[in-house]
Amino acid sequence: GPLGPNWKKELVNSQNRMCAYKLVTV
C-alpha cells in the first residue's frame, strides 16, 4: 500500500496476490 490506480497490474509478477471468487445465488 497505498494502492494506486494501477495496483492490480503491479501485482502481475508478485507472489502477494489472490482472488476470492464469490458465487452468490439468491
PDB file of all heavy atoms in Angstrom:
ATOM      1  N   GLY A   1       0.826  -1.189   0.000  1.00  0.00           N
ATOM      2  CA  GLY A   1       0.000   0.000   0.000  1.00  0.00           C
ATOM      3  C   GLY A   1       0.864   1.244   0.000  1.00  0.00           C
ATOM      4  O   GLY A   1       2.071   1.169   0.223  1.00  0.00           O
ATOM      5  N   PRO A   2       0.232   2.414  -0.199  1.00  0.00           N
ATOM      6  CA  PRO A   2      -1.152   2.577  -0.634  1.00  0.00           C
ATOM      7  C   PRO A   2      -1.361   1.992  -2.049  1.00  0.00           C
ATOM      8  O   PRO A   2      -0.420   1.907  -2.826  1.00  0.00           O
ATOM      9  CB  PRO A   2      -1.384   4.085  -0.629  1.00  0.00           C
ATOM     10  CG  PRO A   2      -0.127   4.706  -0.134  1.00  0.00           C
ATOM     11  CD  PRO A   2       0.930   3.702  -0.086  1.00  0.00           C
ATOM     12  N   LEU A   3      -2.593   1.631  -2.350  1.00  0.00           N
ATOM     13  CA  LEU A   3      -2.908   1.040  -3.641  1.00  0.00           C
ATOM     14  C   LEU A   3      -3.292   2.128  -4.637  1.00  0.00           C
ATOM     15  O   LEU A   3      -4.302   2.808  -4.466  1.00  0.00           O
ATOM     16  CB  LEU A   3      -4.062   0.029  -3.498  1.00  0.00           C
ATOM     17  CG  LEU A   3      -3.841  -1.110  -2.490  1.00  0.00           C
ATOM     18  CD1 LEU A   3      -5.011  -2.081  -2.531  1.00  0.00           C
ATOM     19  CD2 LEU A   3      -2.516  -1.833  -2.731  1.00  0.00           C
ATOM     20  N   GLY A   4      -2.474   2.300  -5.665  1.00  0.00           N
ATOM     21  CA  GLY A   4      -2.726   3.323  -6.674  1.00  0.00           C
ATOM     22  C   GLY A   4      -3.658   2.829  -7.765  1.00  0.00           C
ATOM     23  O   GLY A   4      -4.147   1.698  -7.732  1.00  0.00           O
ATOM     24  N   PRO A   5      -3.890   3.651  -8.778  1.00  0.00           N
ATOM     25  CA  PRO A   5      -4.827   3.297  -9.860  1.00  0.00           C
ATOM     26  C   PRO A   5      -4.439   2.029 -10.608  1.00  0.00           C
ATOM     27  O   PRO A   5      -5.304   1.327 -11.134  1.00  0.00           O
ATOM     28  CB  PRO A   5      -4.764   4.523 -10.787  1.00  0.00           C
ATOM     29  CG  PRO A   5      -4.266   5.636  -9.926  1.00  0.00           C
ATOM     30  CD  PRO A   5      -3.340   5.002  -8.934  1.00  0.00           C
ATOM     31  N   ASN A   6      -3.144   1.703 -10.665  1.00  0.00           N
ATOM     32  CA  ASN A   6      -2.683   0.539 -11.417  1.00  0.00           C
ATOM     33  C   ASN A   6      -2.201  -0.597 -10.513  1.00  0.00           C
ATOM     34  O   ASN A   6      -1.385  -1.430 -10.926  1.00  0.00           O
ATOM     35  CB  ASN A   6      -1.548   0.942 -12.362  1.00  0.00           C
ATOM     36  CG  ASN A   6      -1.994   1.977 -13.378  1.00  0.00           C
ATOM     37  OD1 ASN A   6      -3.046   1.842 -13.998  1.00  0.00           O
ATOM     38  ND2 ASN A   6      -1.201   3.021 -13.543  1.00  0.00           N
ATOM     39  N   TRP A   7      -2.734  -0.650  -9.287  1.00  0.00           N
ATOM     40  CA  TRP A   7      -2.199  -1.604  -8.314  1.00  0.00           C
ATOM     41  C   TRP A   7      -2.337  -3.060  -8.753  1.00  0.00           C
ATOM     42  O   TRP A   7      -1.461  -3.881  -8.453  1.00  0.00           O
ATOM     43  CB  TRP A   7      -2.844  -1.384  -6.952  1.00  0.00           C
ATOM     44  CG  TRP A   7      -4.299  -1.780  -6.837  1.00  0.00           C
ATOM     45  CD1 TRP A   7      -5.382  -1.034  -7.146  1.00  0.00           C
ATOM     46  CD2 TRP A   7      -4.802  -3.038  -6.346  1.00  0.00           C
ATOM     47  NE1 TRP A   7      -6.550  -1.721  -6.896  1.00  0.00           N
ATOM     48  CE2 TRP A   7      -6.214  -2.953  -6.396  1.00  0.00           C
ATOM     49  CE3 TRP A   7      -4.221  -4.203  -5.864  1.00  0.00           C
ATOM     50  CZ2 TRP A   7      -7.049  -3.996  -5.993  1.00  0.00           C
ATOM     51  CZ3 TRP A   7      -5.042  -5.251  -5.466  1.00  0.00           C
ATOM     52  CH2 TRP A   7      -6.440  -5.142  -5.524  1.00  0.00           C
ATOM     53  N   LYS A   8      -3.389  -3.392  -9.480  1.00  0.00           N
ATOM     54  CA  LYS A   8      -3.550  -4.785  -9.917  1.00  0.00           C
ATOM     55  C   LYS A   8      -2.489  -5.164 -10.954  1.00  0.00           C
ATOM     56  O   LYS A   8      -1.932  -6.263 -10.921  1.00  0.00           O
ATOM     57  CB  LYS A   8      -4.947  -5.002 -10.491  1.00  0.00           C
ATOM     58  CG  LYS A   8      -6.052  -4.953  -9.447  1.00  0.00           C
ATOM     59  CD  LYS A   8      -7.400  -5.253 -10.082  1.00  0.00           C
ATOM     60  CE  LYS A   8      -8.525  -5.137  -9.087  1.00  0.00           C
ATOM     61  NZ  LYS A   8      -9.847  -5.439  -9.685  1.00  0.00           N
ATOM     62  N   LYS A   9      -2.194  -4.246 -11.872  1.00  0.00           N
ATOM     63  CA  LYS A   9      -1.164  -4.515 -12.876  1.00  0.00           C
ATOM     64  C   LYS A   9       0.199  -4.697 -12.213  1.00  0.00           C
ATOM     65  O   LYS A   9       1.030  -5.487 -12.679  1.00  0.00           O
ATOM     66  CB  LYS A   9      -1.102  -3.375 -13.889  1.00  0.00           C
ATOM     67  CG  LYS A   9      -2.349  -3.257 -14.760  1.00  0.00           C
ATOM     68  CD  LYS A   9      -2.223  -2.105 -15.751  1.00  0.00           C
ATOM     69  CE  LYS A   9      -3.470  -1.993 -16.621  1.00  0.00           C
ATOM     70  NZ  LYS A   9      -3.377  -0.851 -17.565  1.00  0.00           N
ATOM     71  N   GLU A  10       0.425  -3.982 -11.120  1.00  0.00           N
ATOM     72  CA  GLU A  10       1.700  -4.073 -10.418  1.00  0.00           C
ATOM     73  C   GLU A  10       1.869  -5.413  -9.708  1.00  0.00           C
ATOM     74  O   GLU A  10       2.979  -5.774  -9.294  1.00  0.00           O
ATOM     75  CB  GLU A  10       1.813  -2.921  -9.408  1.00  0.00           C
ATOM     76  CG  GLU A  10       1.895  -1.553 -10.084  1.00  0.00           C
ATOM     77  CD  GLU A  10       1.705  -0.398  -9.105  1.00  0.00           C
ATOM     78  OE1 GLU A  10       1.512  -0.667  -7.909  1.00  0.00           O
ATOM     79  OE2 GLU A  10       1.749   0.766  -9.546  1.00  0.00           O
ATOM     80  N   LEU A  11       0.778  -6.157  -9.547  1.00  0.00           N
ATOM     81  CA  LEU A  11       0.835  -7.457  -8.869  1.00  0.00           C
ATOM     82  C   LEU A  11       1.102  -8.616  -9.832  1.00  0.00           C
ATOM     83  O   LEU A  11       1.235  -9.755  -9.388  1.00  0.00           O
ATOM     84  CB  LEU A  11      -0.484  -7.729  -8.132  1.00  0.00           C
ATOM     85  CG  LEU A  11      -0.810  -6.878  -6.906  1.00  0.00           C
ATOM     86  CD1 LEU A  11      -2.168  -7.288  -6.337  1.00  0.00           C
ATOM     87  CD2 LEU A  11       0.267  -7.022  -5.829  1.00  0.00           C
ATOM     88  N   VAL A  12       1.183  -8.328 -11.113  1.00  0.00           N
ATOM     89  CA  VAL A  12       1.322  -9.398 -12.115  1.00  0.00           C
ATOM     90  C   VAL A  12       2.500 -10.311 -11.803  1.00  0.00           C
ATOM     91  O   VAL A  12       2.403 -11.544 -11.910  1.00  0.00           O
ATOM     92  CB  VAL A  12       1.466  -8.792 -13.533  1.00  0.00           C
ATOM     93  CG1 VAL A  12       1.864  -9.877 -14.522  1.00  0.00           C
ATOM     94  CG2 VAL A  12       0.157  -8.147 -13.963  1.00  0.00           C
ATOM     95  N   ASN A  13       3.615  -9.747 -11.398  1.00  0.00           N
ATOM     96  CA  ASN A  13       4.815 -10.541 -11.120  1.00  0.00           C
ATOM     97  C   ASN A  13       5.064 -10.721  -9.622  1.00  0.00           C
ATOM     98  O   ASN A  13       6.161 -11.095  -9.210  1.00  0.00           O
ATOM     99  CB  ASN A  13       6.039  -9.884 -11.770  1.00  0.00           C
ATOM    100  CG  ASN A  13       5.935  -9.843 -13.282  1.00  0.00           C
ATOM    101  OD1 ASN A  13       5.556 -10.832 -13.909  1.00  0.00           O
ATOM    102  ND2 ASN A  13       6.256  -8.698 -13.875  1.00  0.00           N
ATOM    103  N   SER A  14       4.059 -10.485  -8.812  1.00  0.00           N
ATOM    104  CA  SER A  14       4.192 -10.603  -7.360  1.00  0.00           C
ATOM    105  C   SER A  14       3.563 -11.904  -6.873  1.00  0.00           C
ATOM    106  O   SER A  14       2.591 -12.397  -7.431  1.00  0.00           O
ATOM    107  CB  SER A  14       3.518  -9.410  -6.671  1.00  0.00           C
ATOM    108  OG  SER A  14       3.479  -9.604  -5.266  1.00  0.00           O
ATOM    109  N   GLN A  15       4.118 -12.456  -5.798  1.00  0.00           N
ATOM    110  CA  GLN A  15       3.518 -13.625  -5.159  1.00  0.00           C
ATOM    111  C   GLN A  15       2.396 -13.220  -4.216  1.00  0.00           C
ATOM    112  O   GLN A  15       1.574 -14.053  -3.828  1.00  0.00           O
ATOM    113  CB  GLN A  15       4.588 -14.410  -4.394  1.00  0.00           C
ATOM    114  CG  GLN A  15       5.636 -15.066  -5.288  1.00  0.00           C
ATOM    115  CD  GLN A  15       6.607 -15.915  -4.492  1.00  0.00           C
ATOM    116  OE1 GLN A  15       6.766 -15.741  -3.284  1.00  0.00           O
ATOM    117  NE2 GLN A  15       7.266 -16.846  -5.173  1.00  0.00           N
ATOM    118  N   ASN A  16       2.375 -11.939  -3.848  1.00  0.00           N
ATOM    119  CA  ASN A  16       1.363 -11.450  -2.904  1.00  0.00           C
ATOM    120  C   ASN A  16       0.107 -11.012  -3.661  1.00  0.00           C
ATOM    121  O   ASN A  16      -0.237  -9.833  -3.741  1.00  0.00           O
ATOM    122  CB  ASN A  16       1.920 -10.278  -2.087  1.00  0.00           C
ATOM    123  CG  ASN A  16       3.127 -10.666  -1.273  1.00  0.00           C
ATOM    124  OD1 ASN A  16       3.159 -11.745  -0.689  1.00  0.00           O
ATOM    125  ND2 ASN A  16       4.140  -9.806  -1.246  1.00  0.00           N
ATOM    126  N   ARG A  17      -0.579 -11.992  -4.197  1.00  0.00           N
ATOM    127  CA  ARG A  17      -1.793 -11.708  -4.957  1.00  0.00           C
ATOM    128  C   ARG A  17      -2.747 -12.893  -4.853  1.00  0.00           C
ATOM    129  O   ARG A  17      -2.316 -14.047  -4.741  1.00  0.00           O
ATOM    130  CB  ARG A  17      -1.472 -11.450  -6.433  1.00  0.00           C
ATOM    131  CG  ARG A  17      -0.811 -12.641  -7.107  1.00  0.00           C
ATOM    132  CD  ARG A  17      -0.574 -12.398  -8.573  1.00  0.00           C
ATOM    133  NE  ARG A  17      -0.080 -13.616  -9.227  1.00  0.00           N
ATOM    134  CZ  ARG A  17       0.085 -13.744 -10.530  1.00  0.00           C
ATOM    135  NH1 ARG A  17      -0.211 -12.741 -11.324  1.00  0.00           N
ATOM    136  NH2 ARG A  17       0.532 -14.874 -11.043  1.00  0.00           N
ATOM    137  N   MET A  18      -4.016 -12.610  -4.881  1.00  0.00           N
ATOM    138  CA  MET A  18      -5.028 -13.660  -4.839  1.00  0.00           C
ATOM    139  C   MET A  18      -6.375 -13.079  -5.233  1.00  0.00           C
ATOM    140  O   MET A  18      -6.550 -11.859  -5.313  1.00  0.00           O
ATOM    141  CB  MET A  18      -5.128 -14.269  -3.444  1.00  0.00           C
ATOM    142  CG  MET A  18      -5.589 -13.296  -2.378  1.00  0.00           C
ATOM    143  SD  MET A  18      -6.492 -14.098  -1.046  1.00  0.00           S
ATOM    144  CE  MET A  18      -8.032 -14.521  -1.857  1.00  0.00           C
ATOM    145  N   CYS A  19      -7.307 -13.970  -5.497  1.00  0.00           N
ATOM    146  CA  CYS A  19      -8.662 -13.542  -5.813  1.00  0.00           C
ATOM    147  C   CYS A  19      -9.654 -14.434  -5.078  1.00  0.00           C
ATOM    148  O   CYS A  19      -9.497 -15.663  -5.065  1.00  0.00           O
ATOM    149  CB  CYS A  19      -8.919 -13.600  -7.319  1.00  0.00           C
ATOM    150  SG  CYS A  19     -10.588 -13.066  -7.797  1.00  0.00           S
ATOM    151  N   ALA A  20     -10.655 -13.817  -4.474  1.00  0.00           N
ATOM    152  CA  ALA A  20     -11.778 -14.550  -3.894  1.00  0.00           C
ATOM    153  C   ALA A  20     -12.899 -14.531  -4.929  1.00  0.00           C
ATOM    154  O   ALA A  20     -13.421 -13.464  -5.273  1.00  0.00           O
ATOM    155  CB  ALA A  20     -12.226 -13.900  -2.595  1.00  0.00           C
ATOM    156  N   TYR A  21     -13.233 -15.698  -5.447  1.00  0.00           N
ATOM    157  CA  TYR A  21     -14.315 -15.838  -6.424  1.00  0.00           C
ATOM    158  C   TYR A  21     -15.586 -16.221  -5.665  1.00  0.00           C
ATOM    159  O   TYR A  21     -15.739 -17.376  -5.239  1.00  0.00           O
ATOM    160  CB  TYR A  21     -13.987 -16.941  -7.431  1.00  0.00           C
ATOM    161  CG  TYR A  21     -12.824 -16.660  -8.352  1.00  0.00           C
ATOM    162  CD1 TYR A  21     -11.509 -16.892  -7.948  1.00  0.00           C
ATOM    163  CD2 TYR A  21     -13.036 -16.199  -9.651  1.00  0.00           C
ATOM    164  CE1 TYR A  21     -10.441 -16.661  -8.801  1.00  0.00           C
ATOM    165  CE2 TYR A  21     -11.972 -15.973 -10.520  1.00  0.00           C
ATOM    166  CZ  TYR A  21     -10.683 -16.201 -10.085  1.00  0.00           C
ATOM    167  OH  TYR A  21      -9.626 -15.983 -10.954  1.00  0.00           O
ATOM    168  N   LYS A  22     -16.482 -15.267  -5.483  1.00  0.00           N
ATOM    169  CA  LYS A  22     -17.669 -15.479  -4.659  1.00  0.00           C
ATOM    170  C   LYS A  22     -18.907 -15.632  -5.548  1.00  0.00           C
ATOM    171  O   LYS A  22     -19.382 -14.644  -6.115  1.00  0.00           O
ATOM    172  CB  LYS A  22     -17.844 -14.317  -3.680  1.00  0.00           C
ATOM    173  CG  LYS A  22     -16.744 -14.262  -2.623  1.00  0.00           C
ATOM    174  CD  LYS A  22     -17.005 -13.201  -1.595  1.00  0.00           C
ATOM    175  CE  LYS A  22     -16.110 -13.392  -0.379  1.00  0.00           C
ATOM    176  NZ  LYS A  22     -16.453 -14.593   0.402  1.00  0.00           N
ATOM    177  N   LEU A  23     -19.387 -16.850  -5.639  1.00  0.00           N
ATOM    178  CA  LEU A  23     -20.576 -17.147  -6.428  1.00  0.00           C
ATOM    179  C   LEU A  23     -21.793 -17.055  -5.511  1.00  0.00           C
ATOM    180  O   LEU A  23     -21.942 -17.852  -4.583  1.00  0.00           O
ATOM    181  CB  LEU A  23     -20.479 -18.541  -7.036  1.00  0.00           C
ATOM    182  CG  LEU A  23     -21.603 -18.922  -8.003  1.00  0.00           C
ATOM    183  CD1 LEU A  23     -21.452 -18.173  -9.327  1.00  0.00           C
ATOM    184  CD2 LEU A  23     -21.600 -20.432  -8.240  1.00  0.00           C
ATOM    185  N   VAL A  24     -22.645 -16.071  -5.775  1.00  0.00           N
ATOM    186  CA  VAL A  24     -23.791 -15.810  -4.901  1.00  0.00           C
ATOM    187  C   VAL A  24     -25.089 -16.117  -5.638  1.00  0.00           C
ATOM    188  O   VAL A  24     -25.383 -15.528  -6.689  1.00  0.00           O
ATOM    189  CB  VAL A  24     -23.806 -14.343  -4.419  1.00  0.00           C
ATOM    190  CG1 VAL A  24     -24.999 -14.096  -3.496  1.00  0.00           C
ATOM    191  CG2 VAL A  24     -22.504 -14.021  -3.690  1.00  0.00           C
ATOM    192  N   THR A  25     -25.859 -17.042  -5.075  1.00  0.00           N
ATOM    193  CA  THR A  25     -27.164 -17.413  -5.610  1.00  0.00           C
ATOM    194  C   THR A  25     -28.242 -16.920  -4.652  1.00  0.00           C
ATOM    195  O   THR A  25     -28.218 -17.271  -3.471  1.00  0.00           O
ATOM    196  CB  THR A  25     -27.275 -18.943  -5.769  1.00  0.00           C
ATOM    197  OG1 THR A  25     -26.220 -19.412  -6.596  1.00  0.00           O
ATOM    198  CG2 THR A  25     -28.617 -19.321  -6.384  1.00  0.00           C
ATOM    199  N   VAL A  26     -29.156 -16.103  -5.145  1.00  0.00           N
ATOM    200  CA  VAL A  26     -30.231 -15.559  -4.320  1.00  0.00           C
ATOM    201  C   VAL A  26     -31.565 -16.039  -4.853  1.00  0.00           C
ATOM    202  O   VAL A  26     -31.873 -15.868  -6.036  1.00  0.00           O
ATOM    203  CB  VAL A  26     -30.208 -14.011  -4.299  1.00  0.00           C
ATOM    204  CG1 VAL A  26     -31.360 -13.467  -3.461  1.00  0.00           C
ATOM    205  CG2 VAL A  26     -28.877 -13.511  -3.752  1.00  0.00           C
TER     206      VAL A  26
END
